N, C-alpha and C. Protein backbone atom coordinates (compact mmCIF):
# COMPACT_ATOMS: atom_id res chain seq x y z
N MET A 1 11.81 -8.06 -13.73
CA MET A 1 10.60 -7.52 -13.12
C MET A 1 9.41 -7.83 -14.02
N GLY A 2 8.38 -8.39 -13.45
CA GLY A 2 7.20 -8.74 -14.23
C GLY A 2 6.32 -7.54 -14.51
N LYS A 3 5.26 -7.78 -15.22
CA LYS A 3 4.29 -6.73 -15.53
C LYS A 3 3.62 -6.28 -14.24
N CYS A 4 3.50 -4.98 -14.07
CA CYS A 4 2.86 -4.43 -12.87
C CYS A 4 1.37 -4.24 -13.13
N THR A 5 0.55 -4.60 -12.16
CA THR A 5 -0.88 -4.34 -12.31
C THR A 5 -1.20 -2.88 -11.99
N ILE A 6 -0.32 -2.24 -11.23
CA ILE A 6 -0.42 -0.80 -11.03
C ILE A 6 0.87 -0.21 -11.59
N ALA A 7 0.92 1.08 -11.78
CA ALA A 7 2.12 1.70 -12.35
C ALA A 7 3.34 1.32 -11.51
N CYS A 8 4.40 0.95 -12.19
CA CYS A 8 5.59 0.45 -11.49
C CYS A 8 6.20 1.48 -10.54
N ASP A 9 6.10 2.77 -10.89
CA ASP A 9 6.67 3.77 -9.99
C ASP A 9 5.86 3.85 -8.70
N LEU A 10 4.58 3.54 -8.76
CA LEU A 10 3.77 3.51 -7.54
C LEU A 10 4.19 2.35 -6.65
N HIS A 11 4.63 1.27 -7.29
CA HIS A 11 5.14 0.13 -6.55
C HIS A 11 6.30 0.51 -5.67
N ASP A 12 7.16 1.39 -6.19
CA ASP A 12 8.33 1.80 -5.42
C ASP A 12 7.91 2.44 -4.10
N PHE A 13 6.87 3.25 -4.13
CA PHE A 13 6.38 3.89 -2.90
C PHE A 13 5.89 2.85 -1.91
N ILE A 14 5.21 1.85 -2.42
CA ILE A 14 4.69 0.80 -1.54
C ILE A 14 5.83 0.01 -0.92
N GLU A 15 6.86 -0.28 -1.73
CA GLU A 15 8.04 -0.99 -1.21
C GLU A 15 8.73 -0.17 -0.11
N ILE A 16 8.86 1.14 -0.34
CA ILE A 16 9.48 2.01 0.67
C ILE A 16 8.64 2.01 1.95
N ALA A 17 7.33 2.12 1.80
CA ALA A 17 6.43 2.13 2.97
C ALA A 17 6.60 0.85 3.78
N CYS A 18 6.74 -0.29 3.10
CA CYS A 18 6.91 -1.56 3.80
C CYS A 18 8.29 -1.65 4.45
N LEU A 19 9.30 -1.18 3.72
CA LEU A 19 10.68 -1.24 4.22
C LEU A 19 10.80 -0.51 5.55
N TYR A 20 10.16 0.67 5.64
CA TYR A 20 10.25 1.50 6.85
C TYR A 20 9.05 1.32 7.77
N HIS A 21 8.16 0.41 7.43
CA HIS A 21 6.95 0.16 8.24
C HIS A 21 6.20 1.44 8.55
N TYR A 22 6.01 2.25 7.50
CA TYR A 22 5.27 3.49 7.66
C TYR A 22 3.84 3.20 8.09
N ARG A 23 3.31 4.11 8.90
CA ARG A 23 1.90 4.07 9.24
C ARG A 23 1.15 4.77 8.11
N LEU A 24 0.15 4.12 7.58
CA LEU A 24 -0.54 4.61 6.39
C LEU A 24 -2.02 4.83 6.63
N LYS A 25 -2.57 5.75 5.89
CA LYS A 25 -4.02 5.86 5.75
C LYS A 25 -4.33 5.56 4.29
N LEU A 26 -5.11 4.53 4.08
CA LEU A 26 -5.47 4.11 2.73
C LEU A 26 -6.88 4.57 2.41
N THR A 27 -7.07 5.11 1.23
CA THR A 27 -8.41 5.47 0.76
C THR A 27 -8.70 4.57 -0.44
N PHE A 28 -9.85 3.90 -0.38
CA PHE A 28 -10.22 2.97 -1.44
C PHE A 28 -11.09 3.66 -2.48
N LYS A 29 -11.23 3.00 -3.62
CA LYS A 29 -12.03 3.57 -4.70
C LYS A 29 -13.48 3.77 -4.30
N ASP A 30 -13.95 3.00 -3.31
CA ASP A 30 -15.33 3.16 -2.83
C ASP A 30 -15.42 4.19 -1.70
N GLN A 31 -14.33 4.95 -1.47
CA GLN A 31 -14.23 6.04 -0.49
C GLN A 31 -14.04 5.56 0.95
N GLN A 32 -14.05 4.26 1.20
CA GLN A 32 -13.75 3.79 2.55
C GLN A 32 -12.28 4.07 2.84
N THR A 33 -11.94 4.16 4.12
CA THR A 33 -10.55 4.37 4.51
C THR A 33 -10.15 3.34 5.55
N MET A 34 -8.85 3.15 5.68
CA MET A 34 -8.30 2.24 6.67
C MET A 34 -6.92 2.75 7.05
N GLU A 35 -6.56 2.61 8.31
CA GLU A 35 -5.23 2.97 8.76
C GLU A 35 -4.52 1.73 9.27
N GLY A 36 -3.21 1.72 9.09
CA GLY A 36 -2.43 0.61 9.60
C GLY A 36 -0.98 0.78 9.21
N LYS A 37 -0.16 -0.15 9.68
CA LYS A 37 1.27 -0.10 9.41
C LYS A 37 1.60 -1.00 8.22
N ALA A 38 2.32 -0.46 7.26
CA ALA A 38 2.73 -1.25 6.10
C ALA A 38 3.68 -2.35 6.55
N VAL A 39 3.39 -3.59 6.15
CA VAL A 39 4.20 -4.73 6.57
C VAL A 39 4.95 -5.34 5.39
N ASP A 40 4.23 -5.64 4.32
CA ASP A 40 4.84 -6.37 3.21
C ASP A 40 3.93 -6.30 2.00
N THR A 41 4.43 -6.82 0.88
CA THR A 41 3.60 -6.97 -0.31
C THR A 41 3.52 -8.45 -0.64
N LEU A 42 2.54 -8.78 -1.43
CA LEU A 42 2.29 -10.18 -1.76
C LEU A 42 1.71 -10.23 -3.16
N THR A 43 2.16 -11.19 -3.94
CA THR A 43 1.55 -11.43 -5.25
C THR A 43 0.96 -12.83 -5.22
N SER A 44 -0.32 -12.92 -5.50
CA SER A 44 -1.00 -14.22 -5.45
C SER A 44 -0.67 -15.03 -6.70
N ALA A 45 -1.06 -16.29 -6.69
CA ALA A 45 -0.85 -17.17 -7.84
C ALA A 45 -1.56 -16.62 -9.08
N GLU A 46 -2.63 -15.87 -8.86
CA GLU A 46 -3.38 -15.27 -9.98
C GLU A 46 -2.78 -13.94 -10.40
N LYS A 47 -1.61 -13.60 -9.86
CA LYS A 47 -0.89 -12.35 -10.19
C LYS A 47 -1.61 -11.11 -9.66
N ARG A 48 -2.43 -11.30 -8.63
CA ARG A 48 -3.02 -10.13 -7.99
C ARG A 48 -2.05 -9.66 -6.92
N GLU A 49 -1.93 -8.34 -6.81
CA GLU A 49 -0.95 -7.77 -5.89
C GLU A 49 -1.63 -7.17 -4.67
N TYR A 50 -1.02 -7.42 -3.52
CA TYR A 50 -1.60 -7.00 -2.25
C TYR A 50 -0.56 -6.27 -1.41
N LEU A 51 -1.06 -5.31 -0.64
CA LEU A 51 -0.29 -4.68 0.42
C LEU A 51 -0.79 -5.31 1.71
N ILE A 52 0.13 -5.76 2.53
CA ILE A 52 -0.26 -6.31 3.84
C ILE A 52 -0.05 -5.21 4.87
N ILE A 53 -1.12 -4.86 5.56
CA ILE A 53 -1.00 -3.86 6.61
C ILE A 53 -1.47 -4.46 7.93
N ASP A 54 -0.93 -3.91 9.00
CA ASP A 54 -1.23 -4.38 10.34
C ASP A 54 -1.98 -3.27 11.07
N ASN A 55 -3.25 -3.53 11.39
CA ASN A 55 -4.03 -2.57 12.17
C ASN A 55 -4.61 -3.30 13.37
N GLY A 56 -3.75 -4.08 14.03
CA GLY A 56 -4.19 -4.93 15.12
C GLY A 56 -4.28 -6.37 14.64
N GLN A 57 -4.60 -6.51 13.38
CA GLN A 57 -4.52 -7.82 12.71
C GLN A 57 -4.01 -7.55 11.30
N ARG A 58 -3.40 -8.57 10.72
CA ARG A 58 -2.86 -8.37 9.36
C ARG A 58 -3.96 -8.51 8.34
N GLN A 59 -3.98 -7.54 7.41
CA GLN A 59 -4.99 -7.57 6.36
C GLN A 59 -4.32 -7.41 5.02
N GLN A 60 -4.85 -8.11 4.03
CA GLN A 60 -4.34 -8.00 2.67
C GLN A 60 -5.25 -7.05 1.90
N ILE A 61 -4.64 -6.02 1.35
CA ILE A 61 -5.38 -5.02 0.58
C ILE A 61 -4.97 -5.16 -0.88
N GLU A 62 -5.92 -5.43 -1.75
CA GLU A 62 -5.57 -5.54 -3.16
C GLU A 62 -5.21 -4.16 -3.70
N LEU A 63 -4.05 -4.06 -4.34
CA LEU A 63 -3.55 -2.75 -4.76
C LEU A 63 -4.48 -2.05 -5.72
N ASN A 64 -5.16 -2.80 -6.58
CA ASN A 64 -6.03 -2.13 -7.55
C ASN A 64 -7.31 -1.58 -6.92
N GLN A 65 -7.51 -1.81 -5.62
CA GLN A 65 -8.64 -1.20 -4.91
C GLN A 65 -8.29 0.18 -4.34
N LEU A 66 -7.01 0.51 -4.36
CA LEU A 66 -6.57 1.75 -3.73
C LEU A 66 -6.78 2.97 -4.63
N LYS A 67 -7.23 4.02 -3.99
CA LYS A 67 -7.36 5.31 -4.67
C LYS A 67 -6.22 6.23 -4.23
N LYS A 68 -5.93 6.20 -2.92
CA LYS A 68 -4.91 7.09 -2.37
C LYS A 68 -4.25 6.44 -1.17
N LEU A 69 -2.97 6.72 -1.02
CA LEU A 69 -2.20 6.25 0.13
C LEU A 69 -1.56 7.48 0.76
N GLN A 70 -1.80 7.70 2.04
CA GLN A 70 -1.20 8.82 2.75
C GLN A 70 -0.31 8.26 3.85
N VAL A 71 0.87 8.86 4.00
CA VAL A 71 1.80 8.42 5.04
C VAL A 71 1.58 9.26 6.28
N LEU A 72 1.30 8.61 7.40
CA LEU A 72 1.07 9.30 8.67
C LEU A 72 2.36 9.40 9.49
N THR A 73 3.37 8.61 9.15
CA THR A 73 4.64 8.63 9.87
C THR A 73 5.34 9.96 9.63
N PRO A 74 5.78 10.63 10.70
CA PRO A 74 6.49 11.91 10.52
C PRO A 74 7.81 11.72 9.78
N ASN A 75 8.22 12.72 9.04
CA ASN A 75 9.51 12.74 8.34
C ASN A 75 9.69 11.59 7.36
N ALA A 76 8.60 11.10 6.81
CA ALA A 76 8.68 10.02 5.83
C ALA A 76 9.27 10.56 4.52
N GLN A 77 9.71 9.65 3.67
CA GLN A 77 10.33 10.06 2.39
C GLN A 77 9.30 10.58 1.40
N PHE A 78 8.05 10.26 1.63
CA PHE A 78 6.98 10.82 0.78
C PHE A 78 5.72 10.90 1.63
N LYS A 79 4.77 11.69 1.20
CA LYS A 79 3.58 11.94 2.01
C LYS A 79 2.32 11.31 1.46
N GLU A 80 2.22 11.27 0.12
CA GLU A 80 0.96 10.84 -0.47
C GLU A 80 1.19 10.28 -1.86
N VAL A 81 0.45 9.24 -2.19
CA VAL A 81 0.48 8.68 -3.54
C VAL A 81 -0.97 8.52 -3.99
N VAL A 82 -1.27 9.03 -5.17
CA VAL A 82 -2.61 8.87 -5.73
C VAL A 82 -2.52 7.87 -6.88
N PHE A 83 -3.37 6.87 -6.83
CA PHE A 83 -3.32 5.80 -7.82
C PHE A 83 -4.20 6.09 -9.03
């Protein structure tokens, strides 16, 4: 496992969200929010890490822009992660 740009335990939550395609509400450091379904993660050639979410179209969200992730899917394994 390589060096994580965010805390590695937070990565586990993102992997779980993608595995189960949880519906998420993301809050960014600039206070903007976005909702969508977790699809996958991606690491760019520059080692930047992204969450891919689908909100009608697929969008790449850089993980270091996230402030909070809330799970909207009922009975999910976790409800909220604060970065």
